[in-house]
Each structure stands twice: as C-alpha cells, then as structure tokens.
C-alpha cells in the first residue's frame, strides 16, 4: 500500500448521515418558538411593521426630493429609481456620463 492509499479522503471530514425519524406534533411545534434554530439564525423574521415603515420612508423621501431638487435632478432621480443605468441616463440626456458635459 502506498502513501496515497493511506491518506483519508477530504470528504470524509464532512460526510453526514441523514435519516428519517417519526416524531410527535408537540416535538415539531417546539421548533417554532423563539428558542428554535430558525429564530436563532434570523431573529428578526418577517415583520409587517418593517414593510410599513419602508413604505412610509419612501413616501417621505419622494416628498423631500420633489421639494428640494431641480426639475432636471428629479428627472434623473426618477430614471435611476426606475432602473435606468448611469450610461442610459447620460445617453437620454445627451451628456457625457462622467462629467455631464454636452459634446
């Protein structure tokens, strides 16, 4: 037997055995509380209040933007929010992407 045959396979370190085990409903429900693994990995979970706050912040942002920005700045901001790239916006406005200079 040579050295190579004696060397353990790298995957031997992370091989797992998965088996199916029957369990009671109470046992399964114990994983749905604040002590569960899922809660430990993502303690924030889904919170509808967070979505409502995000929507309110977006509304306030656009109100401030509409009051504070020039029409051209608003146009660019709306295009960016709609997913246009910097290059696409520059082409639309017929300006140089990096400086805003018109050729």
PDB file of N, CA and C in Angstrom:
ATOM      1  N   UNK A   1       0.853  -1.175   0.000  1.00  0.00           N
ATOM      2  CA  UNK A   1       0.000   0.000   0.000  1.00  0.00           C
ATOM      3  C   UNK A   1       0.898   1.237   0.000  1.00  0.00           C
ATOM      4  N   UNK A   2       0.662   2.171  -0.875  1.00  0.00           N
ATOM      5  CA  UNK A   2       1.491   3.372  -0.908  1.00  0.00           C
ATOM      6  C   UNK A   2       0.896   4.472  -0.034  1.00  0.00           C
ATOM      7  N   UNK A   3       1.608   5.589   0.076  1.00  0.00           N
ATOM      8  CA  UNK A   3       1.168   6.707   0.932  1.00  0.00           C
ATOM      9  C   UNK A   3      -0.209   7.232   0.538  1.00  0.00           C
ATOM     10  N   UNK A   4      -0.447   7.272  -0.733  1.00  0.00           N
ATOM     11  CA  UNK A   4      -1.705   7.842  -1.210  1.00  0.00           C
ATOM     12  C   UNK A   4      -2.903   7.033  -0.739  1.00  0.00           C
ATOM     13  N   UNK A   5      -2.777   5.729  -0.671  1.00  0.00           N
ATOM     14  CA  UNK A   5      -3.886   4.885  -0.235  1.00  0.00           C
ATOM     15  C   UNK A   5      -4.190   5.067   1.251  1.00  0.00           C
ATOM     16  N   UNK A   6      -3.201   5.416   2.038  1.00  0.00           N
ATOM     17  CA  UNK A   6      -3.397   5.588   3.477  1.00  0.00           C
ATOM     18  C   UNK A   6      -4.039   6.933   3.819  1.00  0.00           C
ATOM     19  N   UNK A   7      -3.857   7.906   2.937  1.00  0.00           N
ATOM     20  CA  UNK A   7      -4.367   9.247   3.220  1.00  0.00           C
ATOM     21  C   UNK A   7      -5.895   9.249   3.205  1.00  0.00           C
ATOM     22  N   UNK A   8      -6.537   9.815   4.233  1.00  0.00           N
ATOM     23  CA  UNK A   8      -8.007   9.854   4.241  1.00  0.00           C
ATOM     24  C   UNK A   8      -8.522  10.795   3.153  1.00  0.00           C
ATOM     25  N   UNK A   9      -9.670  10.484   2.690  1.00  0.00           N
ATOM     26  CA  UNK A   9     -10.328  11.305   1.688  1.00  0.00           C
ATOM     27  C   UNK A   9     -10.784  12.609   2.338  1.00  0.00           C
ATOM     28  N   UNK A  10     -10.625  13.739   1.635  1.00  0.00           N
ATOM     29  CA  UNK A  10     -11.024  15.034   2.220  1.00  0.00           C
ATOM     30  C   UNK A  10     -12.503  15.061   2.569  1.00  0.00           C
ATOM     31  N   UNK A  11     -13.317  14.398   1.781  1.00  0.00           N
ATOM     32  CA  UNK A  11     -14.761  14.448   2.032  1.00  0.00           C
ATOM     33  C   UNK A  11     -15.160  13.642   3.263  1.00  0.00           C
ATOM     34  N   UNK A  12     -14.260  12.792   3.780  1.00  0.00           N
ATOM     35  CA  UNK A  12     -14.578  12.027   4.992  1.00  0.00           C
ATOM     36  C   UNK A  12     -14.841  12.946   6.174  1.00  0.00           C
ATOM     37  N   UNK A  13     -14.289  14.152   6.142  1.00  0.00           N
ATOM     38  CA  UNK A  13     -14.450  15.081   7.256  1.00  0.00           C
ATOM     39  C   UNK A  13     -15.858  15.655   7.332  1.00  0.00           C
ATOM     40  N   UNK A  14     -16.585  15.675   6.212  1.00  0.00           N
ATOM     41  CA  UNK A  14     -17.896  16.319   6.240  1.00  0.00           C
ATOM     42  C   UNK A  14     -19.007  15.432   5.687  1.00  0.00           C
ATOM     43  N   UNK A  15     -18.858  14.159   5.837  1.00  0.00           N
ATOM     44  CA  UNK A  15     -19.915  13.246   5.444  1.00  0.00           C
ATOM     45  C   UNK A  15     -20.950  13.179   6.573  1.00  0.00           C
ATOM     46  N   UNK A  16     -22.192  13.232   6.220  1.00  0.00           N
ATOM     47  CA  UNK A  16     -23.261  13.191   7.200  1.00  0.00           C
ATOM     48  C   UNK A  16     -24.234  12.074   6.859  1.00  0.00           C
ATOM     49  N   UNK A  17     -24.848  11.550   7.853  1.00  0.00           N
ATOM     50  CA  UNK A  17     -25.873  10.542   7.660  1.00  0.00           C
ATOM     51  C   UNK A  17     -27.205  11.216   7.917  1.00  0.00           C
ATOM     52  N   UNK A  18     -28.082  11.105   6.942  1.00  0.00           N
ATOM     53  CA  UNK A  18     -29.409  11.704   7.086  1.00  0.00           C
ATOM     54  C   UNK A  18     -30.404  10.557   7.190  1.00  0.00           C
ATOM     55  N   UNK A  19     -31.239  10.637   8.189  1.00  0.00           N
ATOM     56  CA  UNK A  19     -32.233   9.585   8.346  1.00  0.00           C
ATOM     57  C   UNK A  19     -33.579  10.216   8.661  1.00  0.00           C
ATOM     58  N   UNK A  20     -34.602   9.487   8.388  1.00  0.00           N
ATOM     59  CA  UNK A  20     -35.965   9.961   8.632  1.00  0.00           C
ATOM     60  C   UNK A  20     -36.435   9.384   9.959  1.00  0.00           C
ATOM     61  N   UNK A  21     -36.960  10.258  10.800  1.00  0.00           N
ATOM     62  CA  UNK A  21     -37.412   9.829  12.114  1.00  0.00           C
ATOM     63  C   UNK A  21     -38.816  10.355  12.326  1.00  0.00           C
ATOM     64  N   UNK A  22     -39.680   9.527  12.824  1.00  0.00           N
ATOM     65  CA  UNK A  22     -41.029   9.998  13.131  1.00  0.00           C
ATOM     66  C   UNK A  22     -41.007  10.690  14.491  1.00  0.00           C
ATOM     67  N   UNK A  23     -41.821  11.717  14.626  1.00  0.00           N
ATOM     68  CA  UNK A  23     -41.874  12.445  15.896  1.00  0.00           C
ATOM     69  C   UNK A  23     -43.274  12.996  16.105  1.00  0.00           C
ATOM     70  N   UNK A  24     -43.531  13.419  17.301  1.00  0.00           N
ATOM     71  CA  UNK A  24     -44.865  13.904  17.655  1.00  0.00           C
ATOM     72  C   UNK A  24     -45.059  15.342  17.197  1.00  0.00           C
ATOM     73  N   UNK A  25     -46.312  15.774  17.123  1.00  0.00           N
ATOM     74  CA  UNK A  25     -46.633  17.158  16.763  1.00  0.00           C
ATOM     75  C   UNK A  25     -46.052  18.136  17.785  1.00  0.00           C
ATOM     76  N   UNK A  26     -46.082  17.762  19.057  1.00  0.00           N
ATOM     77  CA  UNK A  26     -45.554  18.638  20.095  1.00  0.00           C
ATOM     78  C   UNK A  26     -44.063  18.890  19.890  1.00  0.00           C
ATOM     79  N   UNK A  27     -43.351  17.853  19.501  1.00  0.00           N
ATOM     80  CA  UNK A  27     -41.919  17.996  19.247  1.00  0.00           C
ATOM     81  C   UNK A  27     -41.672  18.934  18.072  1.00  0.00           C
ATOM     82  N   UNK A  28     -42.433  18.781  17.014  1.00  0.00           N
ATOM     83  CA  UNK A  28     -42.288  19.671  15.857  1.00  0.00           C
ATOM     84  C   UNK A  28     -42.628  21.111  16.213  1.00  0.00           C
ATOM     85  N   UNK A  29     -43.671  21.307  17.020  1.00  0.00           N
ATOM     86  CA  UNK A  29     -44.065  22.660  17.404  1.00  0.00           C
ATOM     87  C   UNK A  29     -43.012  23.325  18.283  1.00  0.00           C
ATOM     88  N   UNK A  30     -42.212  22.545  18.960  1.00  0.00           N
ATOM     89  CA  UNK A  30     -41.173  23.127  19.804  1.00  0.00           C
ATOM     90  C   UNK A  30     -40.124  23.864  18.980  1.00  0.00           C
ATOM     91  N   UNK A  31     -40.049  23.596  17.687  1.00  0.00           N
ATOM     92  CA  UNK A  31     -39.096  24.280  16.827  1.00  0.00           C
ATOM     93  C   UNK A  31     -39.638  25.595  16.264  1.00  0.00           C
ATOM     94  N   UNK A  32     -40.867  25.947  16.599  1.00  0.00           N
ATOM     95  CA  UNK A  32     -41.459  27.161  16.042  1.00  0.00           C
ATOM     96  C   UNK A  32     -41.498  28.315  17.039  1.00  0.00           C
ATOM     97  N   UNK A  33     -40.836  28.198  18.151  1.00  0.00           N
ATOM     98  CA  UNK A  33     -40.848  29.278  19.134  1.00  0.00           C
ATOM     99  C   UNK A  33     -39.564  30.105  19.060  1.00  0.00           C
ATOM    100  N   UNK A  34     -39.387  31.014  19.974  1.00  0.00           N
ATOM    101  CA  UNK A  34     -38.226  31.907  19.968  1.00  0.00           C
ATOM    102  C   UNK A  34     -36.901  31.201  20.252  1.00  0.00           C
ATOM    103  N   UNK A  35     -36.947  29.987  20.770  1.00  0.00           N
ATOM    104  CA  UNK A  35     -35.724  29.237  21.044  1.00  0.00           C
ATOM    105  C   UNK A  35     -35.324  28.343  19.875  1.00  0.00           C
ATOM    106  N   UNK A  36     -36.082  28.391  18.799  1.00  0.00           N
ATOM    107  CA  UNK A  36     -35.813  27.498  17.675  1.00  0.00           C
ATOM    108  C   UNK A  36     -34.547  27.895  16.930  1.00  0.00           C
ATOM    109  N   UNK A  37     -34.040  26.955  16.165  1.00  0.00           N
ATOM    110  CA  UNK A  37     -32.850  27.212  15.361  1.00  0.00           C
ATOM    111  C   UNK A  37     -33.155  28.303  14.337  1.00  0.00           C
ATOM    112  N   UNK A  38     -34.328  28.228  13.708  1.00  0.00           N
ATOM    113  CA  UNK A  38     -34.694  29.234  12.710  1.00  0.00           C
ATOM    114  C   UNK A  38     -34.704  30.634  13.317  1.00  0.00           C
ATOM    115  N   UNK A  39     -35.210  30.753  14.524  1.00  0.00           N
ATOM    116  CA  UNK A  39     -35.238  32.062  15.187  1.00  0.00           C
ATOM    117  C   UNK A  39     -33.823  32.520  15.538  1.00  0.00           C
ATOM    118  N   UNK A  40     -32.981  31.596  15.938  1.00  0.00           N
ATOM    119  CA  UNK A  40     -31.604  31.963  16.268  1.00  0.00           C
ATOM    120  C   UNK A  40     -30.853  32.445  15.035  1.00  0.00           C
ATOM    121  N   UNK A  41     -31.119  31.833  13.878  1.00  0.00           N
ATOM    122  CA  UNK A  41     -30.443  32.230  12.646  1.00  0.00           C
ATOM    123  C   UNK A  41     -30.989  33.540  12.097  1.00  0.00           C
ATOM    124  N   UNK A  42     -32.273  33.787  12.256  1.00  0.00           N
ATOM    125  CA  UNK A  42     -32.898  35.013  11.768  1.00  0.00           C
ATOM    126  C   UNK A  42     -33.836  35.544  12.842  1.00  0.00           C
ATOM    127  N   UNK A  43     -33.313  36.217  13.854  1.00  0.00           N
ATOM    128  CA  UNK A  43     -34.142  36.649  14.975  1.00  0.00           C
ATOM    129  C   UNK A  43     -35.168  37.714  14.594  1.00  0.00           C
ATOM    130  N   UNK A  44     -34.968  38.367  13.458  1.00  0.00           N
ATOM    131  CA  UNK A  44     -35.885  39.432  13.077  1.00  0.00           C
ATOM    132  C   UNK A  44     -37.100  38.889  12.344  1.00  0.00           C
ATOM    133  N   UNK A  45     -36.915  37.834  11.565  1.00  0.00           N
ATOM    134  CA  UNK A  45     -38.031  37.223  10.865  1.00  0.00           C
ATOM    135  C   UNK A  45     -38.772  38.223  10.001  1.00  0.00           C
ATOM    136  N   UNK A  46     -39.984  37.899   9.662  1.00  0.00           N
ATOM    137  CA  UNK A  46     -40.811  38.799   8.859  1.00  0.00           C
ATOM    138  C   UNK A  46     -41.633  39.658   9.801  1.00  0.00           C
ATOM    139  N   UNK A  47     -41.598  40.943   9.561  1.00  0.00           N
ATOM    140  CA  UNK A  47     -42.361  41.864  10.387  1.00  0.00           C
ATOM    141  C   UNK A  47     -43.074  42.843   9.473  1.00  0.00           C
ATOM    142  N   UNK A  48     -44.362  42.794   9.482  1.00  0.00           N
ATOM    143  CA  UNK A  48     -45.158  43.662   8.611  1.00  0.00           C
ATOM    144  C   UNK A  48     -44.938  45.138   8.945  1.00  0.00           C
ATOM    145  N   UNK A  49     -44.655  45.446  10.183  1.00  0.00           N
ATOM    146  CA  UNK A  49     -44.402  46.838  10.569  1.00  0.00           C
ATOM    147  C   UNK A  49     -43.168  47.393   9.866  1.00  0.00           C
ATOM    148  N   UNK A  50     -42.169  46.535   9.668  1.00  0.00           N
ATOM    149  CA  UNK A  50     -40.959  46.982   8.963  1.00  0.00           C
ATOM    150  C   UNK A  50     -41.297  47.358   7.521  1.00  0.00           C
ATOM    151  N   UNK A  51     -42.138  46.574   6.870  1.00  0.00           N
ATOM    152  CA  UNK A  51     -42.554  46.901   5.500  1.00  0.00           C
ATOM    153  C   UNK A  51     -43.322  48.218   5.461  1.00  0.00           C
ATOM    154  N   UNK A  52     -44.170  48.430   6.459  1.00  0.00           N
ATOM    155  CA  UNK A  52     -44.930  49.681   6.522  1.00  0.00           C
ATOM    156  C   UNK A  52     -44.000  50.873   6.717  1.00  0.00           C
ATOM    157  N   UNK A  53     -42.973  50.718   7.544  1.00  0.00           N
ATOM    158  CA  UNK A  53     -42.004  51.792   7.752  1.00  0.00           C
ATOM    159  C   UNK A  53     -41.216  52.090   6.483  1.00  0.00           C
ATOM    160  N   UNK A  54     -40.833  51.049   5.763  1.00  0.00           N
ATOM    161  CA  UNK A  54     -40.117  51.242   4.498  1.00  0.00           C
ATOM    162  C   UNK A  54     -40.987  52.022   3.520  1.00  0.00           C
ATOM    163  N   UNK A  55     -42.253  51.660   3.425  1.00  0.00           N
ATOM    164  CA  UNK A  55     -43.166  52.379   2.527  1.00  0.00           C
ATOM    165  C   UNK A  55     -43.312  53.844   2.938  1.00  0.00           C
ATOM    166  N   UNK A  56     -43.408  54.093   4.241  1.00  0.00           N
ATOM    167  CA  UNK A  56     -43.529  55.468   4.721  1.00  0.00           C
ATOM    168  C   UNK A  56     -42.250  56.272   4.442  1.00  0.00           C
ATOM    169  N   UNK A  57     -41.093  55.635   4.642  1.00  0.00           N
ATOM    170  CA  UNK A  57     -39.825  56.314   4.349  1.00  0.00           C
ATOM    171  C   UNK A  57     -39.702  56.649   2.866  1.00  0.00           C
ATOM    172  N   UNK A  58     -40.125  55.735   2.008  1.00  0.00           N
ATOM    173  CA  UNK A  58     -40.089  56.009   0.562  1.00  0.00           C
ATOM    174  C   UNK A  58     -40.976  57.205   0.224  1.00  0.00           C
ATOM    175  N   UNK A  59     -42.145  57.247   0.823  1.00  0.00           N
ATOM    176  CA  UNK A  59     -43.076  58.351   0.576  1.00  0.00           C
ATOM    177  C   UNK A  59     -42.452  59.679   1.023  1.00  0.00           C
ATOM    178  N   UNK A  60     -41.870  59.692   2.220  1.00  0.00           N
ATOM    179  CA  UNK A  60     -41.227  60.911   2.726  1.00  0.00           C
ATOM    180  C   UNK A  60     -40.028  61.307   1.870  1.00  0.00           C
ATOM    181  N   UNK A  61     -39.254  60.325   1.413  1.00  0.00           N
ATOM    182  CA  UNK A  61     -38.111  60.610   0.560  1.00  0.00           C
ATOM    183  C   UNK A  61     -38.550  61.332  -0.705  1.00  0.00           C
ATOM    184  N   UNK A  62     -39.593  60.817  -1.368  1.00  0.00           N
ATOM    185  CA  UNK A  62     -40.038  61.439  -2.617  1.00  0.00           C
ATOM    186  C   UNK A  62     -40.647  62.815  -2.375  1.00  0.00           C
ATOM    187  N   UNK A  63     -41.296  63.015  -1.228  1.00  0.00           N
ATOM    188  CA  UNK A  63     -41.821  64.349  -0.906  1.00  0.00           C
ATOM    189  C   UNK A  63     -40.681  65.352  -0.753  1.00  0.00           C
ATOM    190  N   UNK A  64     -39.637  64.956  -0.042  1.00  0.00           N
ATOM    191  CA  UNK A  64     -38.476  65.837   0.143  1.00  0.00           C
ATOM    192  C   UNK A  64     -37.785  66.081  -1.192  1.00  0.00           C
ATOM    193  N   UNK A  65     -37.608  65.027  -1.971  1.00  0.00           N
ATOM    194  CA  UNK A  65     -36.945  65.160  -3.275  1.00  0.00           C
ATOM    195  C   UNK A  65     -37.708  66.110  -4.183  1.00  0.00           C
ATOM    196  N   UNK A  66     -39.032  66.001  -4.182  1.00  0.00           N
ATOM    197  CA  UNK A  66     -39.837  66.879  -5.039  1.00  0.00           C
ATOM    198  C   UNK A  66     -39.752  68.340  -4.612  1.00  0.00           C
ATOM    199  N   UNK A  67     -39.535  68.583  -3.325  1.00  0.00           N
ATOM    200  CA  UNK A  67     -39.446  69.962  -2.840  1.00  0.00           C
ATOM    201  C   UNK A  67     -38.043  70.552  -3.003  1.00  0.00           C
ATOM    202  N   UNK A  68     -37.008  69.727  -2.881  1.00  0.00           N
ATOM    203  CA  UNK A  68     -35.642  70.229  -2.808  1.00  0.00           C
ATOM    204  C   UNK A  68     -34.854  70.175  -4.117  1.00  0.00           C
ATOM    205  N   UNK A  69     -35.268  69.354  -5.065  1.00  0.00           N
ATOM    206  CA  UNK A  69     -34.474  69.161  -6.273  1.00  0.00           C
ATOM    207  C   UNK A  69     -34.994  69.986  -7.449  1.00  0.00           C
ATOM    208  N   UNK A  70     -34.102  70.258  -8.366  1.00  0.00           N
ATOM    209  CA  UNK A  70     -34.500  70.945  -9.596  1.00  0.00           C
ATOM    210  C   UNK A  70     -35.249  69.950 -10.473  1.00  0.00           C
ATOM    211  N   UNK A  71     -35.989  70.440 -11.465  1.00  0.00           N
ATOM    212  CA  UNK A  71     -36.707  69.529 -12.355  1.00  0.00           C
ATOM    213  C   UNK A  71     -35.778  68.503 -13.027  1.00  0.00           C
ATOM    214  N   UNK A  72     -34.600  68.942 -13.446  1.00  0.00           N
ATOM    215  CA  UNK A  72     -33.657  68.027 -14.092  1.00  0.00           C
ATOM    216  C   UNK A  72     -33.151  66.969 -13.100  1.00  0.00           C
ATOM    217  N   UNK A  73     -32.849  67.373 -11.862  1.00  0.00           N
ATOM    218  CA  UNK A  73     -32.409  66.417 -10.852  1.00  0.00           C
ATOM    219  C   UNK A  73     -33.510  65.404 -10.548  1.00  0.00           C
ATOM    220  N   UNK A  74     -34.754  65.886 -10.479  1.00  0.00           N
ATOM    221  CA  UNK A  74     -35.886  64.980 -10.237  1.00  0.00           C
ATOM    222  C   UNK A  74     -36.036  63.986 -11.375  1.00  0.00           C
ATOM    223  N   UNK A  75     -35.873  64.468 -12.606  1.00  0.00           N
ATOM    224  CA  UNK A  75     -35.988  63.584 -13.766  1.00  0.00           C
ATOM    225  C   UNK A  75     -34.938  62.473 -13.695  1.00  0.00           C
ATOM    226  N   UNK A  76     -33.710  62.849 -13.360  1.00  0.00           N
ATOM    227  CA  UNK A  76     -32.618  61.865 -13.266  1.00  0.00           C
ATOM    228  C   UNK A  76     -32.880  60.894 -12.118  1.00  0.00           C
ATOM    229  N   UNK A  77     -33.317  61.398 -10.989  1.00  0.00           N
ATOM    230  CA  UNK A  77     -33.599  60.552  -9.835  1.00  0.00           C
ATOM    231  C   UNK A  77     -34.702  59.547 -10.152  1.00  0.00           C
ATOM    232  N   UNK A  78     -35.756  60.001 -10.818  1.00  0.00           N
ATOM    233  CA  UNK A  78     -36.854  59.102 -11.180  1.00  0.00           C
ATOM    234  C   UNK A  78     -36.380  58.042 -12.175  1.00  0.00           C
ATOM    235  N   UNK A  79     -35.528  58.430 -13.126  1.00  0.00           N
ATOM    236  CA  UNK A  79     -34.997  57.454 -14.079  1.00  0.00           C
ATOM    237  C   UNK A  79     -34.146  56.410 -13.348  1.00  0.00           C
ATOM    238  N   UNK A  80     -33.340  56.863 -12.400  1.00  0.00           N
ATOM    239  CA  UNK A  80     -32.490  55.933 -11.642  1.00  0.00           C
ATOM    240  C   UNK A  80     -33.353  54.988 -10.817  1.00  0.00           C
ATOM    241  N   UNK A  81     -34.402  55.524 -10.206  1.00  0.00           N
ATOM    242  CA  UNK A  81     -35.317  54.698  -9.406  1.00  0.00           C
ATOM    243  C   UNK A  81     -36.052  53.687 -10.278  1.00  0.00           C
ATOM    244  N   UNK A  82     -36.267  54.020 -11.552  1.00  0.00           N
ATOM    245  CA  UNK A  82     -36.931  53.102 -12.480  1.00  0.00           C
ATOM    246  C   UNK A  82     -35.985  52.051 -13.037  1.00  0.00           C
ATOM    247  N   UNK A  83     -34.707  52.112 -12.641  1.00  0.00           N
ATOM    248  CA  UNK A  83     -33.770  51.081 -13.025  1.00  0.00           C
ATOM    249  C   UNK A  83     -32.864  51.401 -14.188  1.00  0.00           C
ATOM    250  N   UNK A  84     -32.917  52.624 -14.700  1.00  0.00           N
ATOM    251  CA  UNK A  84     -32.023  53.002 -15.787  1.00  0.00           C
ATOM    252  C   UNK A  84     -30.588  53.069 -15.267  1.00  0.00           C
ATOM    253  N   UNK A  85     -29.639  52.658 -16.093  1.00  0.00           N
ATOM    254  CA  UNK A  85     -28.233  52.743 -15.700  1.00  0.00           C
ATOM    255  C   UNK A  85     -27.733  54.169 -15.895  1.00  0.00           C
ATOM    256  N   UNK A  86     -26.572  54.447 -15.342  1.00  0.00           N
ATOM    257  CA  UNK A  86     -25.963  55.771 -15.479  1.00  0.00           C
ATOM    258  C   UNK A  86     -25.703  56.079 -16.952  1.00  0.00           C
ATOM    259  N   UNK A  87     -25.262  55.073 -17.696  1.00  0.00           N
ATOM    260  CA  UNK A  87     -24.980  55.264 -19.119  1.00  0.00           C
ATOM    261  C   UNK A  87     -26.269  55.535 -19.897  1.00  0.00           C
ATOM    262  N   UNK A  88     -27.332  54.826 -19.581  1.00  0.00           N
ATOM    263  CA  UNK A  88     -28.614  55.040 -20.265  1.00  0.00           C
ATOM    264  C   UNK A  88     -29.155  56.439 -19.992  1.00  0.00           C
ATOM    265  N   UNK A  89     -29.010  56.901 -18.767  1.00  0.00           N
ATOM    266  CA  UNK A  89     -29.472  58.250 -18.424  1.00  0.00           C
ATOM    267  C   UNK A  89     -28.649  59.288 -19.169  1.00  0.00           C
ATOM    268  N   UNK A  90     -27.338  59.098 -19.207  1.00  0.00           N
ATOM    269  CA  UNK A  90     -26.469  60.033 -19.926  1.00  0.00           C
ATOM    270  C   UNK A  90     -26.827  60.063 -21.411  1.00  0.00           C
ATOM    271  N   UNK A  91     -27.091  58.908 -22.002  1.00  0.00           N
ATOM    272  CA  UNK A  91     -27.477  58.866 -23.415  1.00  0.00           C
ATOM    273  C   UNK A  91     -28.801  59.584 -23.639  1.00  0.00           C
ATOM    274  N   UNK A  92     -29.765  59.370 -22.744  1.00  0.00           N
ATOM    275  CA  UNK A  92     -31.074  60.010 -22.858  1.00  0.00           C
ATOM    276  C   UNK A  92     -30.942  61.535 -22.779  1.00  0.00           C
ATOM    277  N   UNK A  93     -30.091  61.989 -21.845  1.00  0.00           N
ATOM    278  CA  UNK A  93     -29.907  63.431 -21.650  1.00  0.00           C
ATOM    279  C   UNK A  93     -28.902  64.028 -22.636  1.00  0.00           C
ATOM    280  N   UNK A  94     -28.275  63.150 -23.432  1.00  0.00           N
ATOM    281  CA  UNK A  94     -27.272  63.564 -24.409  1.00  0.00           C
ATOM    282  C   UNK A  94     -26.123  64.332 -23.758  1.00  0.00           C
ATOM    283  N   UNK A  95     -25.597  63.743 -22.683  1.00  0.00           N
ATOM    284  CA  UNK A  95     -24.448  64.315 -21.971  1.00  0.00           C
ATOM    285  C   UNK A  95     -23.397  63.235 -21.791  1.00  0.00           C
ATOM    286  N   UNK A  96     -22.182  63.667 -21.424  1.00  0.00           N
ATOM    287  CA  UNK A  96     -21.105  62.748 -21.100  1.00  0.00           C
ATOM    288  C   UNK A  96     -21.412  62.126 -19.744  1.00  0.00           C
ATOM    289  N   UNK A  97     -21.277  60.816 -19.637  1.00  0.00           N
ATOM    290  CA  UNK A  97     -21.643  60.100 -18.402  1.00  0.00           C
ATOM    291  C   UNK A  97     -20.881  60.607 -17.175  1.00  0.00           C
ATOM    292  N   UNK A  98     -19.591  60.848 -17.308  1.00  0.00           N
ATOM    293  CA  UNK A  98     -18.793  61.164 -16.126  1.00  0.00           C
ATOM    294  C   UNK A  98     -18.853  62.640 -15.732  1.00  0.00           C
ATOM    295  N   UNK A  99     -19.017  63.527 -16.687  1.00  0.00           N
ATOM    296  CA  UNK A  99     -18.939  64.952 -16.335  1.00  0.00           C
ATOM    297  C   UNK A  99     -20.244  65.714 -16.522  1.00  0.00           C
ATOM    298  N   UNK A 100     -21.158  65.170 -17.277  1.00  0.00           N
ATOM    299  CA  UNK A 100     -22.381  65.904 -17.563  1.00  0.00           C
ATOM    300  C   UNK A 100     -22.191  66.927 -18.672  1.00  0.00           C
ATOM    301  N   UNK A 101     -21.003  66.957 -19.263  1.00  0.00           N
ATOM    302  CA  UNK A 101     -20.706  67.916 -20.327  1.00  0.00           C
ATOM    303  C   UNK A 101     -21.360  67.486 -21.627  1.00  0.00           C
ATOM    304  N   UNK A 102     -21.956  68.418 -22.325  1.00  0.00           N
ATOM    305  CA  UNK A 102     -22.586  68.111 -23.616  1.00  0.00           C
ATOM    306  C   UNK A 102     -21.549  68.237 -24.722  1.00  0.00           C
ATOM    307  N   UNK A 103     -21.353  67.168 -25.494  1.00  0.00           N
ATOM    308  CA  UNK A 103     -20.385  67.232 -26.593  1.00  0.00           C
ATOM    309  C   UNK A 103     -20.850  68.125 -27.732  1.00  0.00           C
TER     310      UNK A 103
END
